[in-house]
Amino acid sequence: MNSNNLKTRVLHSETLDPWLNLATEDWIFRDMEPDGHILYLWQNSETVVIGRYQNPWIECRLDLMREEGVKLARRQSGGGAVYHDRGNLNFTFMSGIDDYNKERNFEIILTALSGFGIEAEVSGRNDILAEGRKISGSAFKLTRDRAFHHGTLLVDVDLGRLTSYLNPDQRKLSSKGIKSVKSRVANLTEFNPQLETGILSEGITEAFFSRLGRGAEETMDLLSLDKIPRLVDYYQLMKSEHWLYQKSPDFTHRIERRFIWGGIEINIDVHHAEIADIVIFTDSLFPEMIKILTVQLKGEPYSRSSVDAAADYLRKRNPDWTDCVDDISAVLIEEIRGAGPVPA
């Protein structure tokens, strides 16, 4: 099939809402006619985006994200966790499966970068490197008749925040999901200080049309939600607790602490973001309190609100338990790392 005979289209997003951007990507992919090429360029406000099969408790500092208003998003494709802010430019190539070519997609990005004096190369299956440092990572999704290839370009990302939100202490967390791999990263502004996301977006657009033929160029914005009813459904899914948390792989959390009143070891099995089982070992003088705590938490969401509710019940049940309950609940809340919706 001659690619130059196919329809080409570039869409620019004007929203920084990560859930809307990912929903738009999903809508385009599902509803597009698989007889052309689409390039979608978009940016997010401060967000950690995890892969479809990743566990946010393993990958992210959810507590710090909550405190600093950083959003959590889960994409449809696999791969590792990434941090997005306004210094990050995201690209998505979409085409019919018969004309899908990820090498060509990479060539378009490399051509655009070369136009700004940045010589880069593809490394492995997913990454683009400049002077041996990672400036872009990609993920892919293929179905029976269509495919997409999307990735990030670090233009001027706050790298300090990137390292702050990703990869918490995993010594006490064991997950069956896919874990991210740390890499040496760099911003493109290190190689060209004048480069900006808008300028790079224009460069990639021109490289895309040059390679595949001139086509339509359009803008997607928040008004699209009113114009495209199906997009609303995708948007609600992307920002739902079910998609963000309950899609997480099963994992086990082991917690140990010692207090004035005794020691405690807590083992929690989490399944679809709920506490499937909890076993507590302790030399506390209040074994009945421990037994009731496990009953109260089992089957509840793996969240701070579940711990708060169980603690309130125990304090009312027996005021003599209050000091122990306060200590245990504080530890559980700290360890759960702010599970629950991160504010928009």
C-alpha atoms as a PDB file:
ATOM      1  CA  MET A   1       0.000   0.000   0.000  1.00  0.00           C
ATOM      2  CA  ASN A   2       1.334   3.441  -0.939  1.00  0.00           C
ATOM      3  CA  SER A   3       1.218   5.571   2.200  1.00  0.00           C
ATOM      4  CA  ASN A   4       1.195   8.813   0.233  1.00  0.00           C
ATOM      5  CA  ASN A   5      -2.212   7.942  -1.219  1.00  0.00           C
ATOM      6  CA  LEU A   6      -3.804   7.725   2.205  1.00  0.00           C
ATOM      7  CA  LYS A   7      -5.548  10.555   4.032  1.00  0.00           C
ATOM      8  CA  THR A   8      -3.452  12.444   6.564  1.00  0.00           C
ATOM      9  CA  ARG A   9      -4.667  14.501   9.494  1.00  0.00           C
ATOM     10  CA  VAL A  10      -3.016  16.317  12.399  1.00  0.00           C
ATOM     11  CA  LEU A  11      -4.974  17.122  15.550  1.00  0.00           C
ATOM     12  CA  HIS A  12      -3.685  19.561  18.188  1.00  0.00           C
ATOM     13  CA  SER A  13      -5.186  19.442  21.673  1.00  0.00           C
ATOM     14  CA  GLU A  14      -5.812  22.753  23.435  1.00  0.00           C
ATOM     15  CA  THR A  15      -6.614  21.237  26.835  1.00  0.00           C
ATOM     16  CA  LEU A  16      -4.150  20.254  29.565  1.00  0.00           C
ATOM     17  CA  ASP A  17      -6.633  17.829  31.143  1.00  0.00           C
ATOM     18  CA  PRO A  18      -4.887  14.410  31.046  1.00  0.00           C
ATOM     19  CA  TRP A  19      -8.118  12.417  31.261  1.00  0.00           C
ATOM     20  CA  LEU A  20      -9.654  14.346  28.389  1.00  0.00           C
ATOM     21  CA  ASN A  21      -6.490  14.027  26.310  1.00  0.00           C
ATOM     22  CA  LEU A  22      -6.335  10.276  26.864  1.00  0.00           C
ATOM     23  CA  ALA A  23     -10.072   9.968  26.234  1.00  0.00           C
ATOM     24  CA  THR A  24      -9.682  11.916  22.987  1.00  0.00           C
ATOM     25  CA  GLU A  25      -6.862   9.627  21.944  1.00  0.00           C
ATOM     26  CA  ASP A  26      -9.041   6.597  22.684  1.00  0.00           C
ATOM     27  CA  TRP A  27     -12.018   8.107  20.830  1.00  0.00           C
ATOM     28  CA  ILE A  28      -9.912   8.870  17.742  1.00  0.00           C
ATOM     29  CA  PHE A  29      -8.439   5.382  17.788  1.00  0.00           C
ATOM     30  CA  ARG A  30     -11.766   3.588  18.184  1.00  0.00           C
ATOM     31  CA  ASP A  31     -13.806   5.765  15.820  1.00  0.00           C
ATOM     32  CA  MET A  32     -11.285   6.564  13.082  1.00  0.00           C
ATOM     33  CA  GLU A  33     -11.556   5.026   9.639  1.00  0.00           C
ATOM     34  CA  PRO A  34      -8.469   2.791   9.354  1.00  0.00           C
ATOM     35  CA  ASP A  35      -7.590   4.053   5.877  1.00  0.00           C
ATOM     36  CA  GLY A  36      -5.377   6.988   6.745  1.00  0.00           C
ATOM     37  CA  HIS A  37      -2.794   8.428   9.100  1.00  0.00           C
ATOM     38  CA  ILE A  38      -3.538  10.616  12.119  1.00  0.00           C
ATOM     39  CA  LEU A  39      -1.028  12.474  14.265  1.00  0.00           C
ATOM     40  CA  TYR A  40      -2.354  13.716  17.606  1.00  0.00           C
ATOM     41  CA  LEU A  41      -0.216  16.218  19.574  1.00  0.00           C
ATOM     42  CA  TRP A  42      -1.106  17.006  23.174  1.00  0.00           C
ATOM     43  CA  GLN A  43       0.141  18.208  26.551  1.00  0.00           C
ATOM     44  CA  ASN A  44      -0.942  17.595  30.132  1.00  0.00           C
ATOM     45  CA  SER A  45      -0.776  19.632  33.289  1.00  0.00           C
ATOM     46  CA  GLU A  46       1.159  18.030  36.178  1.00  0.00           C
ATOM     47  CA  THR A  47       0.256  14.321  35.969  1.00  0.00           C
ATOM     48  CA  VAL A  48       1.729  10.888  36.519  1.00  0.00           C
ATOM     49  CA  VAL A  49       0.564   8.589  33.721  1.00  0.00           C
ATOM     50  CA  ILE A  50       0.864   4.870  34.398  1.00  0.00           C
ATOM     51  CA  GLY A  51       0.646   1.995  31.934  1.00  0.00           C
ATOM     52  CA  ARG A  52      -2.483  -0.101  31.600  1.00  0.00           C
ATOM     53  CA  TYR A  53      -1.058  -2.978  33.636  1.00  0.00           C
ATOM     54  CA  GLN A  54       0.722  -1.013  36.330  1.00  0.00           C
ATOM     55  CA  ASN A  55       0.006  -0.546  40.006  1.00  0.00           C
ATOM     56  CA  PRO A  56      -0.157   3.099  41.173  1.00  0.00           C
ATOM     57  CA  TRP A  57       0.813   2.193  44.737  1.00  0.00           C
ATOM     58  CA  ILE A  58       3.978   0.553  43.419  1.00  0.00           C
ATOM     59  CA  GLU A  59       4.828   3.228  40.859  1.00  0.00           C
ATOM     60  CA  CYS A  60       3.844   6.525  42.459  1.00  0.00           C
ATOM     61  CA  ARG A  61       4.172   8.631  45.564  1.00  0.00           C
ATOM     62  CA  LEU A  62       0.398   9.017  45.814  1.00  0.00           C
ATOM     63  CA  ASP A  63       0.669  10.861  49.110  1.00  0.00           C
ATOM     64  CA  LEU A  64       2.946  13.553  47.682  1.00  0.00           C
ATOM     65  CA  MET A  65       0.863  13.784  44.503  1.00  0.00           C
ATOM     66  CA  ARG A  66      -2.240  14.404  46.595  1.00  0.00           C
ATOM     67  CA  GLU A  67      -0.506  17.111  48.641  1.00  0.00           C
ATOM     68  CA  GLU A  68       0.795  18.925  45.545  1.00  0.00           C
ATOM     69  CA  GLY A  69      -2.265  18.520  43.313  1.00  0.00           C
ATOM     70  CA  VAL A  70      -0.647  16.214  40.772  1.00  0.00           C
ATOM     71  CA  LYS A  71      -3.151  14.095  38.866  1.00  0.00           C
ATOM     72  CA  LEU A  72      -3.027  10.342  38.285  1.00  0.00           C
ATOM     73  CA  ALA A  73      -3.967   8.931  34.873  1.00  0.00           C
ATOM     74  CA  ARG A  74      -3.891   5.440  33.403  1.00  0.00           C
ATOM     75  CA  ARG A  75      -3.475   5.011  29.666  1.00  0.00           C
ATOM     76  CA  GLN A  76      -4.772   2.222  27.434  1.00  0.00           C
ATOM     77  CA  SER A  77      -1.325   1.024  26.364  1.00  0.00           C
ATOM     78  CA  GLY A  78       1.314  -0.833  28.356  1.00  0.00           C
ATOM     79  CA  GLY A  79       4.756   0.386  29.414  1.00  0.00           C
ATOM     80  CA  GLY A  80       6.006   2.280  32.422  1.00  0.00           C
ATOM     81  CA  ALA A  81       5.030   5.300  34.492  1.00  0.00           C
ATOM     82  CA  VAL A  82       5.903   8.787  33.255  1.00  0.00           C
ATOM     83  CA  TYR A  83       5.574  12.295  34.635  1.00  0.00           C
ATOM     84  CA  HIS A  84       3.958  14.970  32.453  1.00  0.00           C
ATOM     85  CA  ASP A  85       3.878  18.729  32.831  1.00  0.00           C
ATOM     86  CA  ARG A  86       3.680  21.656  30.430  1.00  0.00           C
ATOM     87  CA  GLY A  87       7.294  21.047  29.412  1.00  0.00           C
ATOM     88  CA  ASN A  88       6.378  17.665  27.962  1.00  0.00           C
ATOM     89  CA  LEU A  89       4.990  17.167  24.424  1.00  0.00           C
ATOM     90  CA  ASN A  90       3.042  13.980  23.713  1.00  0.00           C
ATOM     91  CA  PHE A  91       2.592  12.492  20.256  1.00  0.00           C
ATOM     92  CA  THR A  92       0.280   9.756  18.987  1.00  0.00           C
ATOM     93  CA  PHE A  93       0.521   8.175  15.545  1.00  0.00           C
ATOM     94  CA  MET A  94      -2.564   6.244  14.441  1.00  0.00           C
ATOM     95  CA  SER A  95      -3.116   4.238  11.271  1.00  0.00           C
ATOM     96  CA  GLY A  96      -4.706   1.115   9.862  1.00  0.00           C
ATOM     97  CA  ILE A  97      -2.846  -2.065  10.777  1.00  0.00           C
ATOM     98  CA  ASP A  98      -1.867  -2.740   7.153  1.00  0.00           C
ATOM     99  CA  ASP A  99       0.046   0.528   6.927  1.00  0.00           C
ATOM    100  CA  TYR A 100       1.346   0.702  10.498  1.00  0.00           C
ATOM    101  CA  ASN A 101       5.089   1.306  10.656  1.00  0.00           C
ATOM    102  CA  LYS A 102       6.624   2.353  13.965  1.00  0.00           C
ATOM    103  CA  GLU A 103      10.045   2.792  12.345  1.00  0.00           C
ATOM    104  CA  ARG A 104       8.519   5.429  10.058  1.00  0.00           C
ATOM    105  CA  ASN A 105       6.953   7.120  13.089  1.00  0.00           C
ATOM    106  CA  PHE A 106      10.330   7.277  14.805  1.00  0.00           C
ATOM    107  CA  GLU A 107      11.879   8.665  11.606  1.00  0.00           C
ATOM    108  CA  ILE A 108       9.345  11.523  11.630  1.00  0.00           C
ATOM    109  CA  ILE A 109      10.303  12.436  15.211  1.00  0.00           C
ATOM    110  CA  LEU A 110      14.027  12.159  14.466  1.00  0.00           C
ATOM    111  CA  THR A 111      13.633  14.314  11.351  1.00  0.00           C
ATOM    112  CA  ALA A 112      11.845  16.996  13.365  1.00  0.00           C
ATOM    113  CA  LEU A 113      14.541  16.955  16.053  1.00  0.00           C
ATOM    114  CA  SER A 114      17.283  17.141  13.451  1.00  0.00           C
ATOM    115  CA  GLY A 115      15.658  20.314  12.123  1.00  0.00           C
ATOM    116  CA  PHE A 116      16.391  21.888  15.515  1.00  0.00           C
ATOM    117  CA  GLY A 117      20.007  20.730  15.511  1.00  0.00           C
ATOM    118  CA  ILE A 118      19.397  17.734  17.786  1.00  0.00           C
ATOM    119  CA  GLU A 119      20.820  14.450  16.563  1.00  0.00           C
ATOM    120  CA  ALA A 120      18.990  11.566  18.218  1.00  0.00           C
ATOM    121  CA  GLU A 121      18.651   7.817  17.756  1.00  0.00           C
ATOM    122  CA  VAL A 122      16.174   5.071  18.546  1.00  0.00           C
ATOM    123  CA  SER A 123      17.272   2.753  21.348  1.00  0.00           C
ATOM    124  CA  GLY A 124      15.663  -0.653  21.763  1.00  0.00           C
ATOM    125  CA  ARG A 125      11.955  -0.858  21.046  1.00  0.00           C
ATOM    126  CA  ASN A 126      10.671   2.176  22.948  1.00  0.00           C
ATOM    127  CA  ASP A 127      13.161   4.959  23.520  1.00  0.00           C
ATOM    128  CA  ILE A 128      14.831   7.856  21.744  1.00  0.00           C
ATOM    129  CA  LEU A 129      18.228   8.986  23.022  1.00  0.00           C
ATOM    130  CA  ALA A 130      20.283  12.130  22.539  1.00  0.00           C
ATOM    131  CA  GLU A 131      23.939  11.834  23.498  1.00  0.00           C
ATOM    132  CA  GLY A 132      23.112   8.599  25.304  1.00  0.00           C
ATOM    133  CA  ARG A 133      20.353  10.085  27.472  1.00  0.00           C
ATOM    134  CA  LYS A 134      16.645   9.343  27.182  1.00  0.00           C
ATOM    135  CA  ILE A 135      14.534  12.161  25.764  1.00  0.00           C
ATOM    136  CA  SER A 136      11.512  10.106  24.710  1.00  0.00           C
ATOM    137  CA  GLY A 137       9.709   6.871  25.573  1.00  0.00           C
ATOM    138  CA  SER A 138       6.980   5.137  23.584  1.00  0.00           C
ATOM    139  CA  ALA A 139       4.201   2.594  24.010  1.00  0.00           C
ATOM    140  CA  PHE A 140       2.046   0.802  21.462  1.00  0.00           C
ATOM    141  CA  LYS A 141      -1.396  -0.695  20.961  1.00  0.00           C
ATOM    142  CA  LEU A 142      -2.473  -2.913  18.071  1.00  0.00           C
ATOM    143  CA  THR A 143      -5.899  -4.354  17.267  1.00  0.00           C
ATOM    144  CA  ARG A 144      -7.254  -6.378  14.368  1.00  0.00           C
ATOM    145  CA  ASP A 145      -7.506  -3.455  11.943  1.00  0.00           C
ATOM    146  CA  ARG A 146      -5.707  -0.469  13.488  1.00  0.00           C
ATOM    147  CA  ALA A 147      -2.706   0.538  15.587  1.00  0.00           C
ATOM    148  CA  PHE A 148      -1.311   3.419  17.560  1.00  0.00           C
ATOM    149  CA  HIS A 149       2.134   4.435  18.702  1.00  0.00           C
ATOM    150  CA  HIS A 150       2.324   7.144  21.315  1.00  0.00           C
ATOM    151  CA  GLY A 151       5.150   8.658  23.276  1.00  0.00           C
ATOM    152  CA  THR A 152       6.548  11.568  25.224  1.00  0.00           C
ATOM    153  CA  LEU A 153       9.184  14.154  24.394  1.00  0.00           C
ATOM    154  CA  LEU A 154      10.937  15.852  27.302  1.00  0.00           C
ATOM    155  CA  VAL A 155      11.285  19.437  26.139  1.00  0.00           C
ATOM    156  CA  ASP A 156      11.614  21.369  29.401  1.00  0.00           C
ATOM    157  CA  VAL A 157      10.130  19.105  32.078  1.00  0.00           C
ATOM    158  CA  ASP A 158      10.754  19.737  35.783  1.00  0.00           C
ATOM    159  CA  LEU A 159      13.053  16.736  36.255  1.00  0.00           C
ATOM    160  CA  GLY A 160      13.176  17.275  40.018  1.00  0.00           C
ATOM    161  CA  ARG A 161       9.442  16.697  40.281  1.00  0.00           C
ATOM    162  CA  LEU A 162       9.702  13.755  37.901  1.00  0.00           C
ATOM    163  CA  THR A 163      11.948  11.889  40.326  1.00  0.00           C
ATOM    164  CA  SER A 164       9.885  12.975  43.345  1.00  0.00           C
ATOM    165  CA  TYR A 165       6.625  11.362  42.259  1.00  0.00           C
ATOM    166  CA  LEU A 166       7.844   8.115  40.729  1.00  0.00           C
ATOM    167  CA  ASN A 167       9.054   4.877  42.246  1.00  0.00           C
ATOM    168  CA  PRO A 168       8.318   4.924  46.004  1.00  0.00           C
ATOM    169  CA  ASP A 169      10.063   2.682  48.492  1.00  0.00           C
ATOM    170  CA  GLN A 170       9.145  -0.834  47.339  1.00  0.00           C
ATOM    171  CA  ARG A 171      10.721  -2.842  50.153  1.00  0.00           C
ATOM    172  CA  LYS A 172       7.339  -3.577  51.699  1.00  0.00           C
ATOM    173  CA  LEU A 173       5.305  -3.828  48.487  1.00  0.00           C
ATOM    174  CA  SER A 174       5.183  -6.872  46.244  1.00  0.00           C
ATOM    175  CA  SER A 175       3.202  -6.598  43.003  1.00  0.00           C
ATOM    176  CA  LYS A 176       2.328  -8.882  40.104  1.00  0.00           C
ATOM    177  CA  GLY A 177       2.132  -5.885  37.755  1.00  0.00           C
ATOM    178  CA  ILE A 178       4.674  -4.382  35.386  1.00  0.00           C
ATOM    179  CA  LYS A 179       7.254  -2.127  37.037  1.00  0.00           C
ATOM    180  CA  SER A 180       8.932   0.907  35.525  1.00  0.00           C
ATOM    181  CA  VAL A 181      12.630   0.965  34.762  1.00  0.00           C
ATOM    182  CA  LYS A 182      14.669   4.007  35.724  1.00  0.00           C
ATOM    183  CA  SER A 183      16.739   5.644  32.980  1.00  0.00           C
ATOM    184  CA  ARG A 184      19.059   8.616  32.638  1.00  0.00           C
ATOM    185  CA  VAL A 185      16.889  11.329  31.157  1.00  0.00           C
ATOM    186  CA  ALA A 186      17.479  14.757  29.661  1.00  0.00           C
ATOM    187  CA  ASN A 187      15.442  17.703  28.435  1.00  0.00           C
ATOM    188  CA  LEU A 188      15.715  18.739  24.791  1.00  0.00           C
ATOM    189  CA  THR A 189      16.461  22.286  25.942  1.00  0.00           C
ATOM    190  CA  GLU A 190      19.846  20.977  27.116  1.00  0.00           C
ATOM    191  CA  PHE A 191      20.712  20.451  23.439  1.00  0.00           C
ATOM    192  CA  ASN A 192      18.824  23.477  22.074  1.00  0.00           C
ATOM    193  CA  PRO A 193      18.010  26.125  24.711  1.00  0.00           C
ATOM    194  CA  GLN A 194      15.638  27.976  22.344  1.00  0.00           C
ATOM    195  CA  LEU A 195      13.380  24.975  21.792  1.00  0.00           C
ATOM    196  CA  GLU A 196       9.794  25.180  23.075  1.00  0.00           C
ATOM    197  CA  THR A 197       6.912  22.700  22.977  1.00  0.00           C
ATOM    198  CA  GLY A 198       4.938  24.807  20.502  1.00  0.00           C
ATOM    199  CA  ILE A 199       7.871  25.097  18.125  1.00  0.00           C
ATOM    200  CA  LEU A 200       8.562  21.364  18.364  1.00  0.00           C
ATOM    201  CA  SER A 201       4.890  20.625  17.698  1.00  0.00           C
ATOM    202  CA  GLU A 202       5.117  22.638  14.483  1.00  0.00           C
ATOM    203  CA  GLY A 203       8.277  20.803  13.484  1.00  0.00           C
ATOM    204  CA  ILE A 204       6.750  17.378  14.006  1.00  0.00           C
ATOM    205  CA  THR A 205       3.630  18.417  12.086  1.00  0.00           C
ATOM    206  CA  GLU A 206       5.729  19.484   9.106  1.00  0.00           C
ATOM    207  CA  ALA A 207       7.826  16.311   9.222  1.00  0.00           C
ATOM    208  CA  PHE A 208       4.630  14.227   9.325  1.00  0.00           C
ATOM    209  CA  PHE A 209       3.098  15.945   6.289  1.00  0.00           C
ATOM    210  CA  SER A 210       6.422  15.872   4.435  1.00  0.00           C
ATOM    211  CA  ARG A 211       6.676  12.116   4.915  1.00  0.00           C
ATOM    212  CA  LEU A 212       3.022  11.164   4.342  1.00  0.00           C
ATOM    213  CA  GLY A 213       1.524  13.961   2.262  1.00  0.00           C
ATOM    214  CA  ARG A 214      -0.198  17.214   3.141  1.00  0.00           C
ATOM    215  CA  GLY A 215      -3.607  16.800   4.799  1.00  0.00           C
ATOM    216  CA  ALA A 216      -5.957  18.457   7.262  1.00  0.00           C
ATOM    217  CA  GLU A 217      -4.817  20.222  10.449  1.00  0.00           C
ATOM    218  CA  GLU A 218      -7.356  20.753  13.231  1.00  0.00           C
ATOM    219  CA  THR A 219      -7.710  21.661  16.906  1.00  0.00           C
ATOM    220  CA  MET A 220      -9.401  19.645  19.648  1.00  0.00           C
ATOM    221  CA  ASP A 221     -10.554  21.555  22.732  1.00  0.00           C
ATOM    222  CA  LEU A 222     -12.909  21.290  25.698  1.00  0.00           C
ATOM    223  CA  LEU A 223     -15.865  22.101  23.454  1.00  0.00           C
ATOM    224  CA  SER A 224     -15.338  18.720  21.859  1.00  0.00           C
ATOM    225  CA  LEU A 225     -17.141  17.163  24.821  1.00  0.00           C
ATOM    226  CA  ASP A 226     -20.328  18.922  23.712  1.00  0.00           C
ATOM    227  CA  LYS A 227     -19.857  18.032  20.070  1.00  0.00           C
ATOM    228  CA  ILE A 228     -18.917  14.355  20.456  1.00  0.00           C
ATOM    229  CA  PRO A 229     -21.215  12.409  22.836  1.00  0.00           C
ATOM    230  CA  ARG A 230     -19.091   9.239  22.709  1.00  0.00           C
ATOM    231  CA  LEU A 231     -16.121  11.253  23.955  1.00  0.00           C
ATOM    232  CA  VAL A 232     -17.985  11.959  27.198  1.00  0.00           C
ATOM    233  CA  ASP A 233     -18.174   8.217  27.929  1.00  0.00           C
ATOM    234  CA  TYR A 234     -14.445   7.758  27.336  1.00  0.00           C
ATOM    235  CA  TYR A 235     -13.698  10.795  29.499  1.00  0.00           C
ATOM    236  CA  GLN A 236     -15.767   9.538  32.439  1.00  0.00           C
ATOM    237  CA  LEU A 237     -13.991   6.186  32.225  1.00  0.00           C
ATOM    238  CA  MET A 238     -10.515   7.712  32.173  1.00  0.00           C
ATOM    239  CA  LYS A 239     -11.058   9.776  35.335  1.00  0.00           C
ATOM    240  CA  SER A 240     -13.032   7.119  37.255  1.00  0.00           C
ATOM    241  CA  GLU A 241     -11.697   5.436  40.391  1.00  0.00           C
ATOM    242  CA  HIS A 242     -12.511   2.099  38.785  1.00  0.00           C
ATOM    243  CA  TRP A 243     -10.108   2.721  35.899  1.00  0.00           C
ATOM    244  CA  LEU A 244      -7.408   4.438  37.964  1.00  0.00           C
ATOM    245  CA  TYR A 245      -7.302   2.035  40.919  1.00  0.00           C
ATOM    246  CA  GLN A 246      -9.424  -1.075  40.495  1.00  0.00           C
ATOM    247  CA  LYS A 247      -7.641  -1.982  37.275  1.00  0.00           C
ATOM    248  CA  SER A 248      -4.436  -2.373  39.292  1.00  0.00           C
ATOM    249  CA  PRO A 249      -2.763  -5.790  39.482  1.00  0.00           C
ATOM    250  CA  ASP A 250      -3.022  -7.660  42.778  1.00  0.00           C
ATOM    251  CA  PHE A 251      -0.319  -6.959  45.328  1.00  0.00           C
ATOM    252  CA  THR A 252       0.726  -7.635  48.912  1.00  0.00           C
ATOM    253  CA  HIS A 253       1.705  -5.002  51.460  1.00  0.00           C
ATOM    254  CA  ARG A 254       3.699  -5.967  54.557  1.00  0.00           C
ATOM    255  CA  ILE A 255       4.019  -3.462  57.412  1.00  0.00           C
ATOM    256  CA  GLU A 256       6.026  -3.775  60.634  1.00  0.00           C
ATOM    257  CA  ARG A 257       6.199  -1.316  63.533  1.00  0.00           C
ATOM    258  CA  ARG A 258       7.101  -1.263  67.212  1.00  0.00           C
ATOM    259  CA  PHE A 259       5.321   0.973  69.732  1.00  0.00           C
ATOM    260  CA  ILE A 260       5.493   1.519  73.497  1.00  0.00           C
ATOM    261  CA  TRP A 261       2.582  -0.912  73.942  1.00  0.00           C
ATOM    262  CA  GLY A 262       4.085  -3.636  71.696  1.00  0.00           C
ATOM    263  CA  GLY A 263       4.977  -4.674  68.160  1.00  0.00           C
ATOM    264  CA  ILE A 264       2.785  -5.316  65.149  1.00  0.00           C
ATOM    265  CA  GLU A 265       3.140  -6.996  61.747  1.00  0.00           C
ATOM    266  CA  ILE A 266       0.374  -6.415  59.199  1.00  0.00           C
ATOM    267  CA  ASN A 267       0.047  -8.381  55.947  1.00  0.00           C
ATOM    268  CA  ILE A 268      -2.507  -7.044  53.464  1.00  0.00           C
ATOM    269  CA  ASP A 269      -3.509  -8.737  50.200  1.00  0.00           C
ATOM    270  CA  VAL A 270      -5.054  -6.244  47.777  1.00  0.00           C
ATOM    271  CA  HIS A 271      -7.247  -7.366  44.871  1.00  0.00           C
ATOM    272  CA  HIS A 272      -8.808  -4.824  42.465  1.00  0.00           C
ATOM    273  CA  ALA A 273      -8.048  -2.042  44.988  1.00  0.00           C
ATOM    274  CA  GLU A 274      -9.892  -3.837  47.806  1.00  0.00           C
ATOM    275  CA  ILE A 275      -8.483  -5.517  50.902  1.00  0.00           C
ATOM    276  CA  ALA A 276      -9.046  -9.160  50.000  1.00  0.00           C
ATOM    277  CA  ASP A 277      -7.371 -10.403  53.175  1.00  0.00           C
ATOM    278  CA  ILE A 278      -5.564  -8.961  56.172  1.00  0.00           C
ATOM    279  CA  VAL A 279      -3.571 -10.823  58.807  1.00  0.00           C
ATOM    280  CA  ILE A 280      -2.121  -9.071  61.864  1.00  0.00           C
ATOM    281  CA  PHE A 281       0.436 -10.476  64.306  1.00  0.00           C
ATOM    282  CA  THR A 282       1.051  -8.622  67.575  1.00  0.00           C
ATOM    283  CA  ASP A 283       1.998  -8.921  71.224  1.00  0.00           C
ATOM    284  CA  SER A 284      -0.538  -6.225  72.114  1.00  0.00           C
ATOM    285  CA  LEU A 285      -2.594  -6.696  75.265  1.00  0.00           C
ATOM    286  CA  PHE A 286      -5.759  -6.094  73.210  1.00  0.00           C
ATOM    287  CA  PRO A 287      -6.150  -9.150  70.931  1.00  0.00           C
ATOM    288  CA  GLU A 288      -9.901  -8.546  70.615  1.00  0.00           C
ATOM    289  CA  MET A 289      -9.209  -5.097  69.175  1.00  0.00           C
ATOM    290  CA  ILE A 290      -6.877  -6.613  66.577  1.00  0.00           C
ATOM    291  CA  LYS A 291      -9.454  -9.230  65.623  1.00  0.00           C
ATOM    292  CA  ILE A 292     -12.182  -6.631  65.166  1.00  0.00           C
ATOM    293  CA  LEU A 293      -9.847  -4.412  63.128  1.00  0.00           C
ATOM    294  CA  THR A 294      -9.222  -7.210  60.613  1.00  0.00           C
ATOM    295  CA  VAL A 295     -12.972  -7.853  60.322  1.00  0.00           C
ATOM    296  CA  GLN A 296     -13.647  -4.155  59.771  1.00  0.00           C
ATOM    297  CA  LEU A 297     -11.022  -3.791  57.036  1.00  0.00           C
ATOM    298  CA  LYS A 298     -11.480  -7.011  55.090  1.00  0.00           C
ATOM    299  CA  GLY A 299     -13.418  -6.422  51.889  1.00  0.00           C
ATOM    300  CA  GLU A 300     -13.105  -2.627  52.149  1.00  0.00           C
ATOM    301  CA  PRO A 301     -11.332  -0.348  49.622  1.00  0.00           C
ATOM    302  CA  TYR A 302      -7.586  -0.027  50.082  1.00  0.00           C
ATOM    303  CA  SER A 303      -7.863   3.601  51.133  1.00  0.00           C
ATOM    304  CA  ARG A 304      -7.387   6.046  53.990  1.00  0.00           C
ATOM    305  CA  SER A 305     -11.150   6.434  54.372  1.00  0.00           C
ATOM    306  CA  SER A 306     -11.484   2.708  55.137  1.00  0.00           C
ATOM    307  CA  VAL A 307      -8.828   2.979  57.852  1.00  0.00           C
ATOM    308  CA  ASP A 308     -10.470   6.089  59.319  1.00  0.00           C
ATOM    309  CA  ALA A 309     -13.868   4.368  59.467  1.00  0.00           C
ATOM    310  CA  ALA A 310     -12.440   1.255  61.154  1.00  0.00           C
ATOM    311  CA  ALA A 311     -10.499   3.377  63.660  1.00  0.00           C
ATOM    312  CA  ASP A 312     -13.574   5.426  64.573  1.00  0.00           C
ATOM    313  CA  TYR A 313     -15.545   2.225  65.154  1.00  0.00           C
ATOM    314  CA  LEU A 314     -12.854   0.796  67.455  1.00  0.00           C
ATOM    315  CA  ARG A 315     -12.516   3.987  69.514  1.00  0.00           C
ATOM    316  CA  LYS A 316     -16.257   4.014  70.134  1.00  0.00           C
ATOM    317  CA  ARG A 317     -16.280   0.293  70.893  1.00  0.00           C
ATOM    318  CA  ASN A 318     -13.741   0.636  73.704  1.00  0.00           C
ATOM    319  CA  PRO A 319     -12.110   3.968  74.679  1.00  0.00           C
ATOM    320  CA  ASP A 320      -9.266   2.009  76.350  1.00  0.00           C
ATOM    321  CA  TRP A 321      -8.111   1.005  72.870  1.00  0.00           C
ATOM    322  CA  THR A 322      -7.693   4.577  71.681  1.00  0.00           C
ATOM    323  CA  ASP A 323      -3.887   4.888  71.969  1.00  0.00           C
ATOM    324  CA  CYS A 324      -3.310   1.599  70.133  1.00  0.00           C
ATOM    325  CA  VAL A 325      -5.895   2.426  67.504  1.00  0.00           C
ATOM    326  CA  ASP A 326      -4.358   5.848  66.899  1.00  0.00           C
ATOM    327  CA  ASP A 327      -0.902   4.344  66.404  1.00  0.00           C
ATOM    328  CA  ILE A 328      -2.060   1.570  64.078  1.00  0.00           C
ATOM    329  CA  SER A 329      -4.311   3.777  61.974  1.00  0.00           C
ATOM    330  CA  ALA A 330      -1.557   6.396  61.593  1.00  0.00           C
ATOM    331  CA  VAL A 331       0.821   3.740  60.287  1.00  0.00           C
ATOM    332  CA  LEU A 332      -1.744   2.299  57.892  1.00  0.00           C
ATOM    333  CA  ILE A 333      -2.624   5.723  56.509  1.00  0.00           C
ATOM    334  CA  GLU A 334       1.047   6.568  56.031  1.00  0.00           C
ATOM    335  CA  GLU A 335       1.746   3.280  54.286  1.00  0.00           C
ATOM    336  CA  ILE A 336      -1.268   3.363  51.999  1.00  0.00           C
ATOM    337  CA  ARG A 337       0.342   6.504  50.574  1.00  0.00           C
ATOM    338  CA  GLY A 338      -2.705   8.591  49.955  1.00  0.00           C
ATOM    339  CA  ALA A 339      -4.733   6.069  47.991  1.00  0.00           C
ATOM    340  CA  GLY A 340      -7.859   7.557  46.500  1.00  0.00           C
ATOM    341  CA  PRO A 341      -8.650  10.178  43.876  1.00  0.00           C
ATOM    342  CA  VAL A 342      -5.952  12.802  43.461  1.00  0.00           C
ATOM    343  CA  PRO A 343      -7.667  16.206  43.204  1.00  0.00           C
ATOM    344  CA  ALA A 344      -7.947  17.873  39.816  1.00  0.00           C
END
